[in-house]
Structure formats: C-alpha cells, structure tokens
Amino acid sequence: MSETALSSHALPLDSDAAAAMWEQYRAAHPEAVLAAPEYTVEHFGDSARLADELLAVVLSGRKRATAELVADFVARGDRIPRIGSHWIACDSSGAPRIVIRSIELRLGPFASADAAFAADEGEDDGTLESWRREHRRYWTRVAAARGAEWSEDEEIVFERFAVVWPPEHADRATTAL
C-alpha cells in the first residue's frame, strides 16, 4: 500500500488521475515502488504560469534538479523527500504528467548552491547568477505568501531527480530505477 500526499498549493490536482498513473508505474516498476512506496502529487512553482513553464523545462530534458525551502515543506505538512521517493508532477490544470524519483538530496543554505546545481535546474540561462536572482525573488514571494520573511540562511532542500514515468518521458539511463 502506498502513501499519498497531496500538495496544498492553490492549483488544482487530479488525485484520481494521479493514482491511475501511479498504478501504471507500480505495475511496470514494482521493485522501485517496494523500495519507496510513498509519493506526493504536486506541481512546480507557485502559479499556473510557473507550473507549466517549469514542467516544460523538465519535459525538454533540461531540468533535472529543483530546490525548495524546508520551511515550505513544514508549512504544507509535507515530509522532506528522501532518496528514492517519488512525486507526480502535474500541469497547471492538475493533470498528472510525469513521475519523478529523487536520486540525490542535500540540505544547505542559499550560498551553498553551485554552478553545477544551477545548470541541472535548467532554468533561465542556467547560470548560478540567474539561479540566485530568480530564487531570491521566488523565495521572498513564497515566504511572504505564508506570512514569513525569507532569509538566505534558511535551510533549502537541493534535489536532483530522474523522470521515471511514462516511458516516453523517462530518462533512458534511469528506466530501471
């Protein structure tokens, strides 16, 4: 039995369609699900526009990392991911599009992001400078939305991931994950 968590972001989430996608993935990759049976259903970003833009960057193959404030996980009541955990990324309409599996995680402050991580996030021009600029804006905005003030000293979850489902979007080197 898997444990499902639904993001509490304002955008809709089609939990029935996500459960159906999970069952397809589970049938195709039972070992991966046995190793990490939990999954969350969520979207990238904090707006419809950002959810779709970032999902498109993942689908293009450029984005294989993401970063989120520990405080945001806590505020939503979500667990911090662990290596091997899964999440189903939805588009802005709530439709599940892909299953992602965490392959590398670390906690650290804002200053600990490096050029390699910025490039793996694949956003904007891929540089550390643009990563820092855009994430300062983003985390200031999301912290304010939950009534807090963001600080560069806050812990951040730096996550690298693989796309594992559906097969037409799965990373070739990780289809056995």
C-alpha atoms as a PDB file:
ATOM      1  CA  MET A   1       0.000   0.000   0.000  1.00  0.00           C
ATOM      2  CA  SER A   2       1.425   3.352  -0.931  1.00  0.00           C
ATOM      3  CA  GLU A   3       1.102   6.552   0.998  1.00  0.00           C
ATOM      4  CA  THR A   4      -0.011   9.591  -0.965  1.00  0.00           C
ATOM      5  CA  ALA A   5       0.397  13.214  -0.018  1.00  0.00           C
ATOM      6  CA  LEU A   6      -1.300  15.980  -1.950  1.00  0.00           C
ATOM      7  CA  SER A   7       0.297  19.389  -2.169  1.00  0.00           C
ATOM      8  CA  SER A   8      -1.721  22.148  -0.561  1.00  0.00           C
ATOM      9  CA  HIS A   9      -0.824  24.716  -3.229  1.00  0.00           C
ATOM     10  CA  ALA A  10      -3.739  26.663  -4.667  1.00  0.00           C
ATOM     11  CA  LEU A  11      -3.646  24.990  -8.096  1.00  0.00           C
ATOM     12  CA  PRO A  12      -5.947  22.007  -8.680  1.00  0.00           C
ATOM     13  CA  LEU A  13      -4.666  18.444  -8.519  1.00  0.00           C
ATOM     14  CA  ASP A  14      -6.412  15.479 -10.149  1.00  0.00           C
ATOM     15  CA  SER A  15      -5.746  12.885  -7.459  1.00  0.00           C
ATOM     16  CA  ASP A  16      -7.740  10.157  -9.251  1.00  0.00           C
ATOM     17  CA  ALA A  17      -5.719  10.541 -12.450  1.00  0.00           C
ATOM     18  CA  ALA A  18      -2.511  10.691 -10.387  1.00  0.00           C
ATOM     19  CA  ALA A  19      -3.463   7.446  -8.621  1.00  0.00           C
ATOM     20  CA  ALA A  20      -4.077   5.814 -12.003  1.00  0.00           C
ATOM     21  CA  MET A  21      -0.665   6.988 -13.249  1.00  0.00           C
ATOM     22  CA  TRP A  22       0.935   5.656 -10.055  1.00  0.00           C
ATOM     23  CA  GLU A  23      -0.709   2.252 -10.568  1.00  0.00           C
ATOM     24  CA  GLN A  24       0.670   2.089 -14.127  1.00  0.00           C
ATOM     25  CA  TYR A  25       4.150   2.961 -12.863  1.00  0.00           C
ATOM     26  CA  ARG A  26       3.832   0.494  -9.973  1.00  0.00           C
ATOM     27  CA  ALA A  27       2.865  -2.323 -12.344  1.00  0.00           C
ATOM     28  CA  ALA A  28       5.845  -1.579 -14.597  1.00  0.00           C
ATOM     29  CA  HIS A  29       8.393  -0.986 -11.784  1.00  0.00           C
ATOM     30  CA  PRO A  30       7.304  -2.921  -8.679  1.00  0.00           C
ATOM     31  CA  GLU A  31      10.835  -3.005  -7.206  1.00  0.00           C
ATOM     32  CA  ALA A  32      11.128   0.785  -7.233  1.00  0.00           C
ATOM     33  CA  VAL A  33       7.758   1.126  -5.524  1.00  0.00           C
ATOM     34  CA  LEU A  34       8.634  -1.504  -2.914  1.00  0.00           C
ATOM     35  CA  ALA A  35      11.794   0.449  -2.090  1.00  0.00           C
ATOM     36  CA  ALA A  36       9.882   3.736  -1.748  1.00  0.00           C
ATOM     37  CA  PRO A  37       6.088   3.261  -1.719  1.00  0.00           C
ATOM     38  CA  GLU A  38       5.196   6.843  -0.826  1.00  0.00           C
ATOM     39  CA  TYR A  39       4.573   9.585  -3.340  1.00  0.00           C
ATOM     40  CA  THR A  40       3.313  13.128  -3.441  1.00  0.00           C
ATOM     41  CA  VAL A  41       1.174  14.817  -6.062  1.00  0.00           C
ATOM     42  CA  GLU A  42       2.143  18.400  -6.778  1.00  0.00           C
ATOM     43  CA  HIS A  43       3.323  20.906  -9.334  1.00  0.00           C
ATOM     44  CA  PHE A  44       6.369  23.070  -9.809  1.00  0.00           C
ATOM     45  CA  GLY A  45       6.286  26.718  -8.752  1.00  0.00           C
ATOM     46  CA  ASP A  46       3.616  28.841  -7.139  1.00  0.00           C
ATOM     47  CA  SER A  47       1.482  29.863 -10.122  1.00  0.00           C
ATOM     48  CA  ALA A  48      -0.169  28.325 -13.153  1.00  0.00           C
ATOM     49  CA  ARG A  49       2.333  30.009 -15.454  1.00  0.00           C
ATOM     50  CA  LEU A  50       5.340  28.786 -13.479  1.00  0.00           C
ATOM     51  CA  ALA A  51       3.906  25.270 -13.084  1.00  0.00           C
ATOM     52  CA  ASP A  52       3.613  24.901 -16.842  1.00  0.00           C
ATOM     53  CA  GLU A  53       6.904  26.643 -17.667  1.00  0.00           C
ATOM     54  CA  LEU A  54       8.944  24.506 -15.280  1.00  0.00           C
ATOM     55  CA  LEU A  55       7.183  21.295 -16.298  1.00  0.00           C
ATOM     56  CA  ALA A  56       8.032  22.109 -19.932  1.00  0.00           C
ATOM     57  CA  VAL A  57      11.716  22.502 -18.983  1.00  0.00           C
ATOM     58  CA  VAL A  58      11.592  19.081 -17.280  1.00  0.00           C
ATOM     59  CA  LEU A  59       9.884  17.511 -20.303  1.00  0.00           C
ATOM     60  CA  SER A  60      12.539  19.014 -22.583  1.00  0.00           C
ATOM     61  CA  GLY A  61      15.214  17.185 -20.569  1.00  0.00           C
ATOM     62  CA  ARG A  62      16.997  20.362 -19.400  1.00  0.00           C
ATOM     63  CA  LYS A  63      15.709  20.370 -15.813  1.00  0.00           C
ATOM     64  CA  ARG A  64      16.781  17.527 -13.532  1.00  0.00           C
ATOM     65  CA  ALA A  65      17.025  19.383 -10.226  1.00  0.00           C
ATOM     66  CA  THR A  66      14.854  21.536  -8.019  1.00  0.00           C
ATOM     67  CA  ALA A  67      15.192  23.404  -4.745  1.00  0.00           C
ATOM     68  CA  GLU A  68      12.630  24.183  -2.093  1.00  0.00           C
ATOM     69  CA  LEU A  69      12.693  25.752   1.332  1.00  0.00           C
ATOM     70  CA  VAL A  70      12.452  23.333   4.252  1.00  0.00           C
ATOM     71  CA  ALA A  71      10.005  25.831   5.778  1.00  0.00           C
ATOM     72  CA  ASP A  72       7.662  25.373   2.812  1.00  0.00           C
ATOM     73  CA  PHE A  73       7.560  21.588   3.314  1.00  0.00           C
ATOM     74  CA  VAL A  74       6.828  22.176   7.006  1.00  0.00           C
ATOM     75  CA  ALA A  75       4.142  24.798   6.297  1.00  0.00           C
ATOM     76  CA  ARG A  76       2.312  22.357   3.980  1.00  0.00           C
ATOM     77  CA  GLY A  77       2.697  19.445   6.385  1.00  0.00           C
ATOM     78  CA  ASP A  78       4.742  17.537   3.794  1.00  0.00           C
ATOM     79  CA  ARG A  79       7.713  15.356   4.520  1.00  0.00           C
ATOM     80  CA  ILE A  80      11.088  16.260   3.123  1.00  0.00           C
ATOM     81  CA  PRO A  81      11.798  13.841   0.273  1.00  0.00           C
ATOM     82  CA  ARG A  82      14.275  11.035   0.659  1.00  0.00           C
ATOM     83  CA  ILE A  83      16.414   9.363  -1.935  1.00  0.00           C
ATOM     84  CA  GLY A  84      14.185   7.007  -3.876  1.00  0.00           C
ATOM     85  CA  SER A  85      10.944   8.816  -3.054  1.00  0.00           C
ATOM     86  CA  HIS A  86       8.568   9.677  -5.859  1.00  0.00           C
ATOM     87  CA  TRP A  87       6.389  12.574  -6.800  1.00  0.00           C
ATOM     88  CA  ILE A  88       3.894  13.047  -9.559  1.00  0.00           C
ATOM     89  CA  ALA A  89       4.262  16.410 -11.264  1.00  0.00           C
ATOM     90  CA  CYS A  90       1.054  17.937 -12.580  1.00  0.00           C
ATOM     91  CA  ASP A  91       0.470  20.736 -15.028  1.00  0.00           C
ATOM     92  CA  SER A  92      -1.449  23.868 -14.054  1.00  0.00           C
ATOM     93  CA  SER A  93      -4.803  22.180 -14.738  1.00  0.00           C
ATOM     94  CA  GLY A  94      -3.936  19.460 -12.217  1.00  0.00           C
ATOM     95  CA  ALA A  95      -3.381  16.750 -14.818  1.00  0.00           C
ATOM     96  CA  PRO A  96      -0.545  14.396 -13.833  1.00  0.00           C
ATOM     97  CA  ARG A  97       2.176  14.392 -16.462  1.00  0.00           C
ATOM     98  CA  ILE A  98       5.221  12.554 -15.084  1.00  0.00           C
ATOM     99  CA  VAL A  99       6.528  10.542 -12.169  1.00  0.00           C
ATOM    100  CA  ILE A 100       9.786  11.835 -10.740  1.00  0.00           C
ATOM    101  CA  ARG A 101      12.130   9.924  -8.424  1.00  0.00           C
ATOM    102  CA  SER A 102      14.608  11.642  -6.093  1.00  0.00           C
ATOM    103  CA  ILE A 103      18.162  10.479  -6.773  1.00  0.00           C
ATOM    104  CA  GLU A 104      20.200  12.989  -4.768  1.00  0.00           C
ATOM    105  CA  LEU A 105      19.283  15.217  -1.848  1.00  0.00           C
ATOM    106  CA  ARG A 106      21.093  17.571   0.441  1.00  0.00           C
ATOM    107  CA  LEU A 107      20.172  20.345   2.833  1.00  0.00           C
ATOM    108  CA  GLY A 108      22.038  23.625   2.862  1.00  0.00           C
ATOM    109  CA  PRO A 109      21.798  27.400   2.873  1.00  0.00           C
ATOM    110  CA  PHE A 110      21.303  29.568  -0.197  1.00  0.00           C
ATOM    111  CA  ALA A 111      25.053  30.234  -0.561  1.00  0.00           C
ATOM    112  CA  SER A 112      25.762  26.506  -0.896  1.00  0.00           C
ATOM    113  CA  ALA A 113      24.187  26.319  -4.368  1.00  0.00           C
ATOM    114  CA  ASP A 114      26.861  25.920  -7.008  1.00  0.00           C
ATOM    115  CA  ALA A 115      27.083  26.341 -10.771  1.00  0.00           C
ATOM    116  CA  ALA A 116      26.546  22.622 -11.399  1.00  0.00           C
ATOM    117  CA  PHE A 117      23.290  22.632  -9.448  1.00  0.00           C
ATOM    118  CA  ALA A 118      22.096  25.797 -11.215  1.00  0.00           C
ATOM    119  CA  ALA A 119      22.823  24.159 -14.570  1.00  0.00           C
ATOM    120  CA  ASP A 120      20.952  20.993 -13.532  1.00  0.00           C
ATOM    121  CA  GLU A 121      17.912  23.090 -12.598  1.00  0.00           C
ATOM    122  CA  GLY A 122      17.952  24.188 -16.239  1.00  0.00           C
ATOM    123  CA  GLU A 123      16.042  27.404 -15.707  1.00  0.00           C
ATOM    124  CA  ASP A 124      16.610  30.799 -17.299  1.00  0.00           C
ATOM    125  CA  ASP A 125      20.139  30.820 -18.776  1.00  0.00           C
ATOM    126  CA  GLY A 126      21.391  28.059 -16.453  1.00  0.00           C
ATOM    127  CA  THR A 127      23.981  30.196 -14.689  1.00  0.00           C
ATOM    128  CA  LEU A 128      24.484  30.448 -10.953  1.00  0.00           C
ATOM    129  CA  GLU A 129      23.916  34.196 -11.165  1.00  0.00           C
ATOM    130  CA  SER A 130      20.453  33.804 -12.707  1.00  0.00           C
ATOM    131  CA  TRP A 131      19.668  30.932 -10.308  1.00  0.00           C
ATOM    132  CA  ARG A 132      20.438  33.191  -7.354  1.00  0.00           C
ATOM    133  CA  ARG A 133      18.491  36.161  -8.745  1.00  0.00           C
ATOM    134  CA  GLU A 134      15.364  34.165  -9.619  1.00  0.00           C
ATOM    135  CA  HIS A 135      15.357  32.079  -6.441  1.00  0.00           C
ATOM    136  CA  ARG A 136      15.724  35.183  -4.262  1.00  0.00           C
ATOM    137  CA  ARG A 137      12.613  36.560  -5.955  1.00  0.00           C
ATOM    138  CA  TYR A 138      10.746  33.275  -5.723  1.00  0.00           C
ATOM    139  CA  TRP A 139      11.526  32.503  -2.071  1.00  0.00           C
ATOM    140  CA  THR A 140      10.826  36.067  -0.995  1.00  0.00           C
ATOM    141  CA  ARG A 141       7.414  35.743  -2.662  1.00  0.00           C
ATOM    142  CA  VAL A 142       6.503  32.285  -1.300  1.00  0.00           C
ATOM    143  CA  ALA A 143       7.679  33.134   2.213  1.00  0.00           C
ATOM    144  CA  ALA A 144       5.572  36.307   2.161  1.00  0.00           C
ATOM    145  CA  ALA A 145       2.569  34.266   0.979  1.00  0.00           C
ATOM    146  CA  ARG A 146       2.799  32.175   4.152  1.00  0.00           C
ATOM    147  CA  GLY A 147       3.343  35.279   6.312  1.00  0.00           C
ATOM    148  CA  ALA A 148       7.098  34.936   6.762  1.00  0.00           C
ATOM    149  CA  GLU A 149      10.219  36.729   5.659  1.00  0.00           C
ATOM    150  CA  TRP A 150      12.777  34.722   3.712  1.00  0.00           C
ATOM    151  CA  SER A 151      16.412  34.680   4.768  1.00  0.00           C
ATOM    152  CA  GLU A 152      19.389  33.346   2.823  1.00  0.00           C
ATOM    153  CA  ASP A 153      20.322  31.418   5.979  1.00  0.00           C
ATOM    154  CA  GLU A 154      17.204  29.217   5.804  1.00  0.00           C
ATOM    155  CA  GLU A 155      17.669  25.547   5.003  1.00  0.00           C
ATOM    156  CA  ILE A 156      16.935  24.541   1.449  1.00  0.00           C
ATOM    157  CA  VAL A 157      16.318  21.066   0.071  1.00  0.00           C
ATOM    158  CA  PHE A 158      18.509  20.681  -3.015  1.00  0.00           C
ATOM    159  CA  GLU A 159      17.120  17.755  -5.015  1.00  0.00           C
ATOM    160  CA  ARG A 160      18.289  16.038  -8.170  1.00  0.00           C
ATOM    161  CA  PHE A 161      15.752  13.744  -9.777  1.00  0.00           C
ATOM    162  CA  ALA A 162      15.089  11.400 -12.646  1.00  0.00           C
ATOM    163  CA  VAL A 163      11.914  11.246 -14.694  1.00  0.00           C
ATOM    164  CA  VAL A 164      10.811   7.609 -14.448  1.00  0.00           C
ATOM    165  CA  TRP A 165       7.302   7.541 -15.980  1.00  0.00           C
ATOM    166  CA  PRO A 166       5.672   7.473 -18.503  1.00  0.00           C
ATOM    167  CA  PRO A 167       8.126   5.667 -20.782  1.00  0.00           C
ATOM    168  CA  GLU A 168       8.025   8.350 -23.479  1.00  0.00           C
ATOM    169  CA  HIS A 169       9.369  10.892 -20.975  1.00  0.00           C
ATOM    170  CA  ALA A 170      11.516   8.640 -18.779  1.00  0.00           C
ATOM    171  CA  ASP A 171      15.231   9.251 -18.658  1.00  0.00           C
ATOM    172  CA  ARG A 172      16.902   6.470 -20.620  1.00  0.00           C
ATOM    173  CA  ALA A 173      19.610   5.767 -18.041  1.00  0.00           C
ATOM    174  CA  THR A 174      17.076   5.518 -15.238  1.00  0.00           C
ATOM    175  CA  THR A 175      14.250   3.432 -16.669  1.00  0.00           C
ATOM    176  CA  ALA A 176      15.257   0.654 -14.294  1.00  0.00           C
ATOM    177  CA  LEU A 177      15.015   2.873 -11.179  1.00  0.00           C
END
